[in-house]
Amino acid sequence: MSKAILKFIRLSPTKARLIAREVQGMNAELALASLEFTPNKSAKIISKVIASAVSNGGFEPEEVIVSSCRVDAGPVLKRFRPRARGSASGIRKPTSHVFVEVSKLAKKED
């Protein structure tokens, strides 16, 4: 079992969790292939973290499964936008921590 962690990435954790739930339990090769054609910012980032977790363990993508893919909320960058009559409104720029764990696929014996 090997893991990879990406911290403080400028990505909304709510949007990234949708992608993380899709790939959890998938074969790593299949997960990387499906994320390649998913048109989200989070899909590209999660695929890089999965590839990193696979190479950290010295595995090939077809011999491991994504046992855990978790996205936690990081600190929020708070900014202000000027509005009418000298007032201001807040802007929240969320960050995320992405954790991916891959484990060896158990082979079935005939």
PDB file of N, CA and C in Angstrom:
ATOM      1  N   MET A   1       0.843  -1.176   0.000  1.00  0.00           N
ATOM      2  CA  MET A   1       0.000   0.000   0.000  1.00  0.00           C
ATOM      3  C   MET A   1       0.891   1.242   0.000  1.00  0.00           C
ATOM      4  N   SER A   2       0.556   2.197  -0.849  1.00  0.00           N
ATOM      5  CA  SER A   2       1.307   3.451  -0.885  1.00  0.00           C
ATOM      6  C   SER A   2       0.323   4.611  -0.958  1.00  0.00           C
ATOM      7  N   LYS A   3       0.813   5.800  -0.612  1.00  0.00           N
ATOM      8  CA  LYS A   3      -0.082   6.957  -0.591  1.00  0.00           C
ATOM      9  C   LYS A   3       0.627   8.188  -1.117  1.00  0.00           C
ATOM     10  N   ALA A   4      -0.167   9.181  -1.491  1.00  0.00           N
ATOM     11  CA  ALA A   4       0.340  10.480  -1.930  1.00  0.00           C
ATOM     12  C   ALA A   4      -0.580  11.554  -1.375  1.00  0.00           C
ATOM     13  N   ILE A   5       0.015  12.680  -1.007  1.00  0.00           N
ATOM     14  CA  ILE A   5      -0.742  13.782  -0.412  1.00  0.00           C
ATOM     15  C   ILE A   5      -0.401  15.063  -1.163  1.00  0.00           C
ATOM     16  N   LEU A   6      -1.410  15.820  -1.515  1.00  0.00           N
ATOM     17  CA  LEU A   6      -1.225  17.139  -2.115  1.00  0.00           C
ATOM     18  C   LEU A   6      -1.958  18.127  -1.233  1.00  0.00           C
ATOM     19  N   LYS A   7      -1.219  19.089  -0.673  1.00  0.00           N
ATOM     20  CA  LYS A   7      -1.819  20.020   0.275  1.00  0.00           C
ATOM     21  C   LYS A   7      -1.873  21.435  -0.280  1.00  0.00           C
ATOM     22  N   PHE A   8      -2.805  22.198   0.222  1.00  0.00           N
ATOM     23  CA  PHE A   8      -2.971  23.630  -0.068  1.00  0.00           C
ATOM     24  C   PHE A   8      -3.145  23.918  -1.569  1.00  0.00           C
ATOM     25  N   ILE A   9      -3.903  23.070  -2.258  1.00  0.00           N
ATOM     26  CA  ILE A   9      -4.164  23.296  -3.682  1.00  0.00           C
ATOM     27  C   ILE A   9      -5.388  24.198  -3.799  1.00  0.00           C
ATOM     28  N   ARG A  10      -5.331  25.174  -4.694  1.00  0.00           N
ATOM     29  CA  ARG A  10      -6.428  26.141  -4.866  1.00  0.00           C
ATOM     30  C   ARG A  10      -7.560  25.487  -5.642  1.00  0.00           C
ATOM     31  N   LEU A  11      -8.398  24.786  -4.899  1.00  0.00           N
ATOM     32  CA  LEU A  11      -9.450  23.982  -5.489  1.00  0.00           C
ATOM     33  C   LEU A  11     -10.575  23.883  -4.473  1.00  0.00           C
ATOM     34  N   SER A  12     -11.793  24.000  -4.922  1.00  0.00           N
ATOM     35  CA  SER A  12     -12.925  23.897  -4.009  1.00  0.00           C
ATOM     36  C   SER A  12     -13.090  22.443  -3.555  1.00  0.00           C
ATOM     37  N   PRO A  13     -13.078  22.184  -2.245  1.00  0.00           N
ATOM     38  CA  PRO A  13     -13.204  20.802  -1.783  1.00  0.00           C
ATOM     39  C   PRO A  13     -14.541  20.166  -2.136  1.00  0.00           C
ATOM     40  N   THR A  14     -15.600  20.950  -2.195  1.00  0.00           N
ATOM     41  CA  THR A  14     -16.919  20.410  -2.540  1.00  0.00           C
ATOM     42  C   THR A  14     -16.933  19.864  -3.960  1.00  0.00           C
ATOM     43  N   LYS A  15     -16.333  20.600  -4.894  1.00  0.00           N
ATOM     44  CA  LYS A  15     -16.298  20.171  -6.289  1.00  0.00           C
ATOM     45  C   LYS A  15     -15.337  18.999  -6.480  1.00  0.00           C
ATOM     46  N   ALA A  16     -14.247  19.000  -5.717  1.00  0.00           N
ATOM     47  CA  ALA A  16     -13.255  17.930  -5.855  1.00  0.00           C
ATOM     48  C   ALA A  16     -13.765  16.613  -5.281  1.00  0.00           C
ATOM     49  N   ARG A  17     -14.618  16.670  -4.266  1.00  0.00           N
ATOM     50  CA  ARG A  17     -15.140  15.444  -3.660  1.00  0.00           C
ATOM     51  C   ARG A  17     -16.010  14.662  -4.627  1.00  0.00           C
ATOM     52  N   LEU A  18     -16.688  15.357  -5.536  1.00  0.00           N
ATOM     53  CA  LEU A  18     -17.510  14.668  -6.538  1.00  0.00           C
ATOM     54  C   LEU A  18     -16.652  13.750  -7.392  1.00  0.00           C
ATOM     55  N   ILE A  19     -15.479  14.215  -7.781  1.00  0.00           N
ATOM     56  CA  ILE A  19     -14.567  13.427  -8.608  1.00  0.00           C
ATOM     57  C   ILE A  19     -13.901  12.340  -7.768  1.00  0.00           C
ATOM     58  N   ALA A  20     -13.546  12.662  -6.521  1.00  0.00           N
ATOM     59  CA  ALA A  20     -12.866  11.698  -5.651  1.00  0.00           C
ATOM     60  C   ALA A  20     -13.757  10.489  -5.370  1.00  0.00           C
ATOM     61  N   ARG A  21     -15.050  10.699  -5.216  1.00  0.00           N
ATOM     62  CA  ARG A  21     -15.966   9.590  -4.946  1.00  0.00           C
ATOM     63  C   ARG A  21     -16.111   8.674  -6.158  1.00  0.00           C
ATOM     64  N   GLU A  22     -15.968   9.239  -7.360  1.00  0.00           N
ATOM     65  CA  GLU A  22     -16.094   8.432  -8.581  1.00  0.00           C
ATOM     66  C   GLU A  22     -14.968   7.424  -8.715  1.00  0.00           C
ATOM     67  N   VAL A  23     -13.738   7.829  -8.387  1.00  0.00           N
ATOM     68  CA  VAL A  23     -12.585   6.964  -8.622  1.00  0.00           C
ATOM     69  C   VAL A  23     -12.282   6.025  -7.467  1.00  0.00           C
ATOM     70  N   GLN A  24     -12.909   6.218  -6.330  1.00  0.00           N
ATOM     71  CA  GLN A  24     -12.634   5.378  -5.177  1.00  0.00           C
ATOM     72  C   GLN A  24     -13.067   3.941  -5.444  1.00  0.00           C
ATOM     73  N   GLY A  25     -12.145   2.998  -5.231  1.00  0.00           N
ATOM     74  CA  GLY A  25     -12.434   1.585  -5.465  1.00  0.00           C
ATOM     75  C   GLY A  25     -12.159   1.137  -6.881  1.00  0.00           C
ATOM     76  N   MET A  26     -11.804   2.049  -7.773  1.00  0.00           N
ATOM     77  CA  MET A  26     -11.504   1.707  -9.168  1.00  0.00           C
ATOM     78  C   MET A  26     -10.081   1.173  -9.309  1.00  0.00           C
ATOM     79  N   ASN A  27      -9.859   0.446 -10.400  1.00  0.00           N
ATOM     80  CA  ASN A  27      -8.502   0.089 -10.791  1.00  0.00           C
ATOM     81  C   ASN A  27      -7.790   1.397 -11.145  1.00  0.00           C
ATOM     82  N   ALA A  28      -6.510   1.538 -10.781  1.00  0.00           N
ATOM     83  CA  ALA A  28      -5.797   2.806 -10.984  1.00  0.00           C
ATOM     84  C   ALA A  28      -5.681   3.157 -12.470  1.00  0.00           C
ATOM     85  N   GLU A  29      -5.489   2.150 -13.308  1.00  0.00           N
ATOM     86  CA  GLU A  29      -5.374   2.400 -14.747  1.00  0.00           C
ATOM     87  C   GLU A  29      -6.687   2.923 -15.312  1.00  0.00           C
ATOM     88  N   LEU A  30      -7.793   2.330 -14.880  1.00  0.00           N
ATOM     89  CA  LEU A  30      -9.118   2.754 -15.323  1.00  0.00           C
ATOM     90  C   LEU A  30      -9.451   4.145 -14.785  1.00  0.00           C
ATOM     91  N   ALA A  31      -9.044   4.417 -13.548  1.00  0.00           N
ATOM     92  CA  ALA A  31      -9.294   5.725 -12.937  1.00  0.00           C
ATOM     93  C   ALA A  31      -8.537   6.823 -13.688  1.00  0.00           C
ATOM     94  N   LEU A  32      -7.269   6.568 -14.019  1.00  0.00           N
ATOM     95  CA  LEU A  32      -6.475   7.557 -14.755  1.00  0.00           C
ATOM     96  C   LEU A  32      -7.056   7.801 -16.140  1.00  0.00           C
ATOM     97  N   ALA A  33      -7.534   6.733 -16.793  1.00  0.00           N
ATOM     98  CA  ALA A  33      -8.122   6.875 -18.129  1.00  0.00           C
ATOM     99  C   ALA A  33      -9.424   7.665 -18.087  1.00  0.00           C
ATOM    100  N   SER A  34     -10.265   7.420 -17.084  1.00  0.00           N
ATOM    101  CA  SER A  34     -11.537   8.132 -17.019  1.00  0.00           C
ATOM    102  C   SER A  34     -11.344   9.591 -16.614  1.00  0.00           C
ATOM    103  N   LEU A  35     -10.345   9.859 -15.757  1.00  0.00           N
ATOM    104  CA  LEU A  35     -10.096  11.242 -15.342  1.00  0.00           C
ATOM    105  C   LEU A  35      -9.514  12.083 -16.466  1.00  0.00           C
ATOM    106  N   GLU A  36      -8.854  11.428 -17.408  1.00  0.00           N
ATOM    107  CA  GLU A  36      -8.259  12.155 -18.534  1.00  0.00           C
ATOM    108  C   GLU A  36      -9.330  12.846 -19.383  1.00  0.00           C
ATOM    109  N   PHE A  37     -10.520  12.241 -19.440  1.00  0.00           N
ATOM    110  CA  PHE A  37     -11.589  12.793 -20.271  1.00  0.00           C
ATOM    111  C   PHE A  37     -12.676  13.493 -19.455  1.00  0.00           C
ATOM    112  N   THR A  38     -12.428  13.704 -18.185  1.00  0.00           N
ATOM    113  CA  THR A  38     -13.374  14.442 -17.351  1.00  0.00           C
ATOM    114  C   THR A  38     -12.996  15.926 -17.389  1.00  0.00           C
ATOM    115  N   PRO A  39     -13.917  16.804 -17.784  1.00  0.00           N
ATOM    116  CA  PRO A  39     -13.555  18.212 -18.024  1.00  0.00           C
ATOM    117  C   PRO A  39     -13.575  19.098 -16.783  1.00  0.00           C
ATOM    118  N   ASN A  40     -13.020  18.628 -15.669  1.00  0.00           N
ATOM    119  CA  ASN A  40     -12.971  19.432 -14.447  1.00  0.00           C
ATOM    120  C   ASN A  40     -11.532  19.744 -14.087  1.00  0.00           C
ATOM    121  N   LYS A  41     -11.337  20.851 -13.394  1.00  0.00           N
ATOM    122  CA  LYS A  41     -10.004  21.192 -12.898  1.00  0.00           C
ATOM    123  C   LYS A  41      -9.554  20.146 -11.886  1.00  0.00           C
ATOM    124  N   SER A  42     -10.492  19.688 -11.052  1.00  0.00           N
ATOM    125  CA  SER A  42     -10.143  18.726 -10.013  1.00  0.00           C
ATOM    126  C   SER A  42      -9.766  17.366 -10.592  1.00  0.00           C
ATOM    127  N   ALA A  43     -10.301  17.004 -11.754  1.00  0.00           N
ATOM    128  CA  ALA A  43      -9.981  15.706 -12.359  1.00  0.00           C
ATOM    129  C   ALA A  43      -8.512  15.632 -12.739  1.00  0.00           C
ATOM    130  N   LYS A  44      -7.990  16.709 -13.284  1.00  0.00           N
ATOM    131  CA  LYS A  44      -6.579  16.744 -13.686  1.00  0.00           C
ATOM    132  C   LYS A  44      -5.678  16.638 -12.455  1.00  0.00           C
ATOM    133  N   ILE A  45      -6.029  17.341 -11.400  1.00  0.00           N
ATOM    134  CA  ILE A  45      -5.217  17.353 -10.183  1.00  0.00           C
ATOM    135  C   ILE A  45      -5.265  15.991  -9.484  1.00  0.00           C
ATOM    136  N   ILE A  46      -6.447  15.391  -9.370  1.00  0.00           N
ATOM    137  CA  ILE A  46      -6.575  14.093  -8.708  1.00  0.00           C
ATOM    138  C   ILE A  46      -5.867  13.011  -9.498  1.00  0.00           C
ATOM    139  N   SER A  47      -5.881  13.111 -10.833  1.00  0.00           N
ATOM    140  CA  SER A  47      -5.178  12.105 -11.634  1.00  0.00           C
ATOM    141  C   SER A  47      -3.673  12.171 -11.410  1.00  0.00           C
ATOM    142  N   LYS A  48      -3.144  13.378 -11.218  1.00  0.00           N
ATOM    143  CA  LYS A  48      -1.709  13.515 -10.929  1.00  0.00           C
ATOM    144  C   LYS A  48      -1.363  12.916  -9.567  1.00  0.00           C
ATOM    145  N   VAL A  49      -2.257  13.090  -8.585  1.00  0.00           N
ATOM    146  CA  VAL A  49      -2.010  12.541  -7.253  1.00  0.00           C
ATOM    147  C   VAL A  49      -2.093  11.012  -7.283  1.00  0.00           C
ATOM    148  N   ILE A  50      -3.029  10.455  -8.063  1.00  0.00           N
ATOM    149  CA  ILE A  50      -3.125   8.995  -8.194  1.00  0.00           C
ATOM    150  C   ILE A  50      -1.866   8.443  -8.850  1.00  0.00           C
ATOM    151  N   ALA A  51      -1.398   9.114  -9.909  1.00  0.00           N
ATOM    152  CA  ALA A  51      -0.169   8.677 -10.585  1.00  0.00           C
ATOM    153  C   ALA A  51       1.023   8.735  -9.639  1.00  0.00           C
ATOM    154  N   SER A  52       1.057   9.744  -8.787  1.00  0.00           N
ATOM    155  CA  SER A  52       2.129   9.876  -7.802  1.00  0.00           C
ATOM    156  C   SER A  52       2.073   8.755  -6.765  1.00  0.00           C
ATOM    157  N   ALA A  53       0.870   8.401  -6.307  1.00  0.00           N
ATOM    158  CA  ALA A  53       0.719   7.331  -5.323  1.00  0.00           C
ATOM    159  C   ALA A  53       1.141   5.985  -5.908  1.00  0.00           C
ATOM    160  N   VAL A  54       0.819   5.766  -7.184  1.00  0.00           N
ATOM    161  CA  VAL A  54       1.207   4.523  -7.856  1.00  0.00           C
ATOM    162  C   VAL A  54       2.723   4.429  -7.964  1.00  0.00           C
ATOM    163  N   SER A  55       3.364   5.519  -8.362  1.00  0.00           N
ATOM    164  CA  SER A  55       4.815   5.486  -8.529  1.00  0.00           C
ATOM    165  C   SER A  55       5.551   5.486  -7.189  1.00  0.00           C
ATOM    166  N   ASN A  56       4.934   6.044  -6.131  1.00  0.00           N
ATOM    167  CA  ASN A  56       5.544   6.010  -4.802  1.00  0.00           C
ATOM    168  C   ASN A  56       5.727   4.577  -4.305  1.00  0.00           C
ATOM    169  N   GLY A  57       4.789   3.700  -4.663  1.00  0.00           N
ATOM    170  CA  GLY A  57       4.873   2.308  -4.246  1.00  0.00           C
ATOM    171  C   GLY A  57       5.674   1.455  -5.212  1.00  0.00           C
ATOM    172  N   GLY A  58       6.068   2.028  -6.360  1.00  0.00           N
ATOM    173  CA  GLY A  58       6.794   1.266  -7.364  1.00  0.00           C
ATOM    174  C   GLY A  58       5.921   0.265  -8.094  1.00  0.00           C
ATOM    175  N   PHE A  59       4.632   0.549  -8.193  1.00  0.00           N
ATOM    176  CA  PHE A  59       3.685  -0.347  -8.851  1.00  0.00           C
ATOM    177  C   PHE A  59       3.445   0.081 -10.297  1.00  0.00           C
ATOM    178  N   GLU A  60       2.765  -0.787 -11.038  1.00  0.00           N
ATOM    179  CA  GLU A  60       2.213  -0.439 -12.343  1.00  0.00           C
ATOM    180  C   GLU A  60       0.734  -0.116 -12.125  1.00  0.00           C
ATOM    181  N   PRO A  61       0.153   0.815 -12.901  1.00  0.00           N
ATOM    182  CA  PRO A  61      -1.252   1.207 -12.670  1.00  0.00           C
ATOM    183  C   PRO A  61      -2.264   0.070 -12.795  1.00  0.00           C
ATOM    184  N   GLU A  62      -1.964  -0.954 -13.609  1.00  0.00           N
ATOM    185  CA  GLU A  62      -2.944  -2.030 -13.788  1.00  0.00           C
ATOM    186  C   GLU A  62      -2.958  -3.031 -12.632  1.00  0.00           C
ATOM    187  N   GLU A  63      -1.973  -2.974 -11.742  1.00  0.00           N
ATOM    188  CA  GLU A  63      -1.924  -3.955 -10.650  1.00  0.00           C
ATOM    189  C   GLU A  63      -2.375  -3.409  -9.294  1.00  0.00           C
ATOM    190  N   VAL A  64      -2.871  -2.162  -9.249  1.00  0.00           N
ATOM    191  CA  VAL A  64      -3.336  -1.586  -7.983  1.00  0.00           C
ATOM    192  C   VAL A  64      -4.736  -1.001  -8.135  1.00  0.00           C
ATOM    193  N   ILE A  65      -5.424  -0.855  -6.986  1.00  0.00           N
ATOM    194  CA  ILE A  65      -6.720  -0.178  -6.974  1.00  0.00           C
ATOM    195  C   ILE A  65      -6.618   1.050  -6.070  1.00  0.00           C
ATOM    196  N   VAL A  66      -7.472   2.024  -6.331  1.00  0.00           N
ATOM    197  CA  VAL A  66      -7.523   3.233  -5.503  1.00  0.00           C
ATOM    198  C   VAL A  66      -8.375   2.881  -4.293  1.00  0.00           C
ATOM    199  N   SER A  67      -7.719   2.541  -3.178  1.00  0.00           N
ATOM    200  CA  SER A  67      -8.462   2.095  -1.995  1.00  0.00           C
ATOM    201  C   SER A  67      -9.097   3.273  -1.259  1.00  0.00           C
ATOM    202  N   SER A  68      -8.448   4.431  -1.293  1.00  0.00           N
ATOM    203  CA  SER A  68      -9.005   5.601  -0.612  1.00  0.00           C
ATOM    204  C   SER A  68      -8.622   6.867  -1.368  1.00  0.00           C
ATOM    205  N   CYS A  69      -9.602   7.711  -1.622  1.00  0.00           N
ATOM    206  CA  CYS A  69      -9.357   9.016  -2.243  1.00  0.00           C
ATOM    207  C   CYS A  69     -10.186  10.018  -1.449  1.00  0.00           C
ATOM    208  N   ARG A  70      -9.505  10.910  -0.733  1.00  0.00           N
ATOM    209  CA  ARG A  70     -10.173  11.805   0.196  1.00  0.00           C
ATOM    210  C   ARG A  70      -9.778  13.245  -0.087  1.00  0.00           C
ATOM    211  N   VAL A  71     -10.733  14.150  -0.007  1.00  0.00           N
ATOM    212  CA  VAL A  71     -10.458  15.576  -0.181  1.00  0.00           C
ATOM    213  C   VAL A  71     -10.943  16.301   1.060  1.00  0.00           C
ATOM    214  N   ASP A  72     -10.015  16.930   1.768  1.00  0.00           N
ATOM    215  CA  ASP A  72     -10.351  17.692   2.963  1.00  0.00           C
ATOM    216  C   ASP A  72     -10.219  19.182   2.682  1.00  0.00           C
ATOM    217  N   ALA A  73     -10.924  19.986   3.437  1.00  0.00           N
ATOM    218  CA  ALA A  73     -10.866  21.437   3.264  1.00  0.00           C
ATOM    219  C   ALA A  73      -9.599  21.988   3.906  1.00  0.00           C
ATOM    220  N   GLY A  74      -8.947  22.899   3.217  1.00  0.00           N
ATOM    221  CA  GLY A  74      -7.777  23.582   3.753  1.00  0.00           C
ATOM    222  C   GLY A  74      -8.186  24.972   4.210  1.00  0.00           C
ATOM    223  N   PRO A  75      -7.217  25.835   4.467  1.00  0.00           N
ATOM    224  CA  PRO A  75      -7.553  27.205   4.862  1.00  0.00           C
ATOM    225  C   PRO A  75      -8.187  27.979   3.710  1.00  0.00           C
ATOM    226  N   VAL A  76      -9.015  28.942   4.042  1.00  0.00           N
ATOM    227  CA  VAL A  76      -9.707  29.751   3.034  1.00  0.00           C
ATOM    228  C   VAL A  76      -9.031  31.113   2.941  1.00  0.00           C
ATOM    229  N   LEU A  77      -8.652  31.500   1.718  1.00  0.00           N
ATOM    230  CA  LEU A  77      -8.088  32.830   1.487  1.00  0.00           C
ATOM    231  C   LEU A  77      -9.254  33.805   1.388  1.00  0.00           C
ATOM    232  N   LYS A  78      -9.234  34.850   2.195  1.00  0.00           N
ATOM    233  CA  LYS A  78     -10.345  35.802   2.203  1.00  0.00           C
ATOM    234  C   LYS A  78      -9.914  37.091   1.526  1.00  0.00           C
ATOM    235  N   ARG A  79     -10.678  37.499   0.516  1.00  0.00           N
ATOM    236  CA  ARG A  79     -10.395  38.699  -0.256  1.00  0.00           C
ATOM    237  C   ARG A  79     -11.645  39.571  -0.265  1.00  0.00           C
ATOM    238  N   PHE A  80     -11.478  40.832  -0.691  1.00  0.00           N
ATOM    239  CA  PHE A  80     -12.617  41.748  -0.758  1.00  0.00           C
ATOM    240  C   PHE A  80     -12.747  42.335  -2.149  1.00  0.00           C
ATOM    241  N   ARG A  81     -13.997  42.558  -2.567  1.00  0.00           N
ATOM    242  CA  ARG A  81     -14.277  43.200  -3.841  1.00  0.00           C
ATOM    243  C   ARG A  81     -15.012  44.497  -3.548  1.00  0.00           C
ATOM    244  N   PRO A  82     -14.526  45.622  -4.097  1.00  0.00           N
ATOM    245  CA  PRO A  82     -15.221  46.899  -3.878  1.00  0.00           C
ATOM    246  C   PRO A  82     -16.610  46.892  -4.513  1.00  0.00           C
ATOM    247  N   ARG A  83     -17.576  47.464  -3.812  1.00  0.00           N
ATOM    248  CA  ARG A  83     -18.947  47.515  -4.307  1.00  0.00           C
ATOM    249  C   ARG A  83     -19.416  48.968  -4.312  1.00  0.00           C
ATOM    250  N   ALA A  84     -20.671  49.147  -4.614  1.00  0.00           N
ATOM    251  CA  ALA A  84     -21.221  50.482  -4.740  1.00  0.00           C
ATOM    252  C   ALA A  84     -21.210  51.242  -3.420  1.00  0.00           C
ATOM    253  N   ARG A  85     -21.085  52.560  -3.516  1.00  0.00           N
ATOM    254  CA  ARG A  85     -21.134  53.491  -2.379  1.00  0.00           C
ATOM    255  C   ARG A  85     -20.044  53.226  -1.343  1.00  0.00           C
ATOM    256  N   GLY A  86     -18.902  52.767  -1.778  1.00  0.00           N
ATOM    257  CA  GLY A  86     -17.772  52.601  -0.879  1.00  0.00           C
ATOM    258  C   GLY A  86     -17.816  51.384   0.018  1.00  0.00           C
ATOM    259  N   SER A  87     -18.772  50.491  -0.236  1.00  0.00           N
ATOM    260  CA  SER A  87     -18.820  49.291   0.598  1.00  0.00           C
ATOM    261  C   SER A  87     -17.978  48.190  -0.056  1.00  0.00           C
ATOM    262  N   ALA A  88     -17.879  47.068   0.602  1.00  0.00           N
ATOM    263  CA  ALA A  88     -17.105  45.943   0.071  1.00  0.00           C
ATOM    264  C   ALA A  88     -17.829  44.646   0.384  1.00  0.00           C
ATOM    265  N   SER A  89     -17.645  43.658  -0.483  1.00  0.00           N
ATOM    266  CA  SER A  89     -18.207  42.330  -0.208  1.00  0.00           C
ATOM    267  C   SER A  89     -17.070  41.318  -0.214  1.00  0.00           C
ATOM    268  N   GLY A  90     -17.263  40.268   0.529  1.00  0.00           N
ATOM    269  CA  GLY A  90     -16.203  39.279   0.685  1.00  0.00           C
ATOM    270  C   GLY A  90     -16.153  38.269  -0.434  1.00  0.00           C
ATOM    271  N   ILE A  91     -14.960  37.773  -0.711  1.00  0.00           N
ATOM    272  CA  ILE A  91     -14.746  36.681  -1.658  1.00  0.00           C
ATOM    273  C   ILE A  91     -13.984  35.609  -0.907  1.00  0.00           C
ATOM    274  N   ARG A  92     -14.465  34.371  -1.002  1.00  0.00           N
ATOM    275  CA  ARG A  92     -13.787  33.245  -0.359  1.00  0.00           C
ATOM    276  C   ARG A  92     -13.071  32.432  -1.422  1.00  0.00           C
ATOM    277  N   LYS A  93     -11.780  32.193  -1.253  1.00  0.00           N
ATOM    278  CA  LYS A  93     -10.993  31.378  -2.179  1.00  0.00           C
ATOM    279  C   LYS A  93     -10.532  30.128  -1.427  1.00  0.00           C
ATOM    280  N   PRO A  94     -11.298  29.034  -1.538  1.00  0.00           N
ATOM    281  CA  PRO A  94     -11.005  27.848  -0.741  1.00  0.00           C
ATOM    282  C   PRO A  94      -9.782  27.078  -1.236  1.00  0.00           C
ATOM    283  N   THR A  95      -9.134  26.365  -0.321  1.00  0.00           N
ATOM    284  CA  THR A  95      -8.038  25.460  -0.678  1.00  0.00           C
ATOM    285  C   THR A  95      -8.401  24.059  -0.191  1.00  0.00           C
ATOM    286  N   SER A  96      -7.691  23.054  -0.717  1.00  0.00           N
ATOM    287  CA  SER A  96      -7.995  21.663  -0.402  1.00  0.00           C
ATOM    288  C   SER A  96      -6.729  20.881  -0.119  1.00  0.00           C
ATOM    289  N   HIS A  97      -6.903  19.768   0.581  1.00  0.00           N
ATOM    290  CA  HIS A  97      -5.859  18.778   0.776  1.00  0.00           C
ATOM    291  C   HIS A  97      -6.376  17.476   0.155  1.00  0.00           C
ATOM    292  N   VAL A  98      -5.612  16.883  -0.775  1.00  0.00           N
ATOM    293  CA  VAL A  98      -6.026  15.664  -1.465  1.00  0.00           C
ATOM    294  C   VAL A  98      -5.157  14.503  -0.978  1.00  0.00           C
ATOM    295  N   PHE A  99      -5.804  13.434  -0.481  1.00  0.00           N
ATOM    296  CA  PHE A  99      -5.111  12.232  -0.009  1.00  0.00           C
ATOM    297  C   PHE A  99      -5.541  11.051  -0.873  1.00  0.00           C
ATOM    298  N   VAL A 100      -4.579  10.344  -1.444  1.00  0.00           N
ATOM    299  CA  VAL A 100      -4.882   9.163  -2.252  1.00  0.00           C
ATOM    300  C   VAL A 100      -4.072   7.994  -1.722  1.00  0.00           C
ATOM    301  N   GLU A 101      -4.731   6.852  -1.557  1.00  0.00           N
ATOM    302  CA  GLU A 101      -4.079   5.633  -1.092  1.00  0.00           C
ATOM    303  C   GLU A 101      -4.387   4.523  -2.085  1.00  0.00           C
ATOM    304  N   VAL A 102      -3.345   3.851  -2.580  1.00  0.00           N
ATOM    305  CA  VAL A 102      -3.545   2.727  -3.495  1.00  0.00           C
ATOM    306  C   VAL A 102      -3.026   1.462  -2.833  1.00  0.00           C
ATOM    307  N   SER A 103      -3.675   0.343  -3.124  1.00  0.00           N
ATOM    308  CA  SER A 103      -3.254  -0.936  -2.571  1.00  0.00           C
ATOM    309  C   SER A 103      -3.214  -1.993  -3.654  1.00  0.00           C
ATOM    310  N   LYS A 104      -2.408  -3.007  -3.401  1.00  0.00           N
ATOM    311  CA  LYS A 104      -2.191  -4.088  -4.365  1.00  0.00           C
ATOM    312  C   LYS A 104      -3.486  -4.835  -4.596  1.00  0.00           C
ATOM    313  N   LEU A 105      -3.742  -5.188  -5.852  1.00  0.00           N
ATOM    314  CA  LEU A 105      -4.934  -5.912  -6.231  1.00  0.00           C
ATOM    315  C   LEU A 105      -4.741  -7.385  -5.922  1.00  0.00           C
ATOM    316  N   ALA A 106      -5.684  -7.982  -5.212  1.00  0.00           N
ATOM    317  CA  ALA A 106      -5.590  -9.412  -4.887  1.00  0.00           C
ATOM    318  C   ALA A 106      -5.956 -10.244  -6.103  1.00  0.00           C
ATOM    319  N   LYS A 107      -5.042 -11.111  -6.528  1.00  0.00           N
ATOM    320  CA  LYS A 107      -5.287 -11.966  -7.708  1.00  0.00           C
ATOM    321  C   LYS A 107      -6.114 -13.171  -7.304  1.00  0.00           C
ATOM    322  N   LYS A 108      -7.060 -13.553  -8.165  1.00  0.00           N
ATOM    323  CA  LYS A 108      -7.867 -14.734  -7.913  1.00  0.00           C
ATOM    324  C   LYS A 108      -7.176 -15.947  -8.531  1.00  0.00           C
ATOM    325  N   GLU A 109      -7.145 -17.036  -7.779  1.00  0.00           N
ATOM    326  CA  GLU A 109      -6.545 -18.262  -8.292  1.00  0.00           C
ATOM    327  C   GLU A 109      -7.635 -19.154  -8.864  1.00  0.00           C
ATOM    328  N   ASP A 110      -7.363 -19.770 -10.014  1.00  0.00           N
ATOM    329  CA  ASP A 110      -8.360 -20.642 -10.660  1.00  0.00           C
ATOM    330  C   ASP A 110      -8.291 -22.053 -10.129  1.00  0.00           C
TER     331      ASP A 110
END
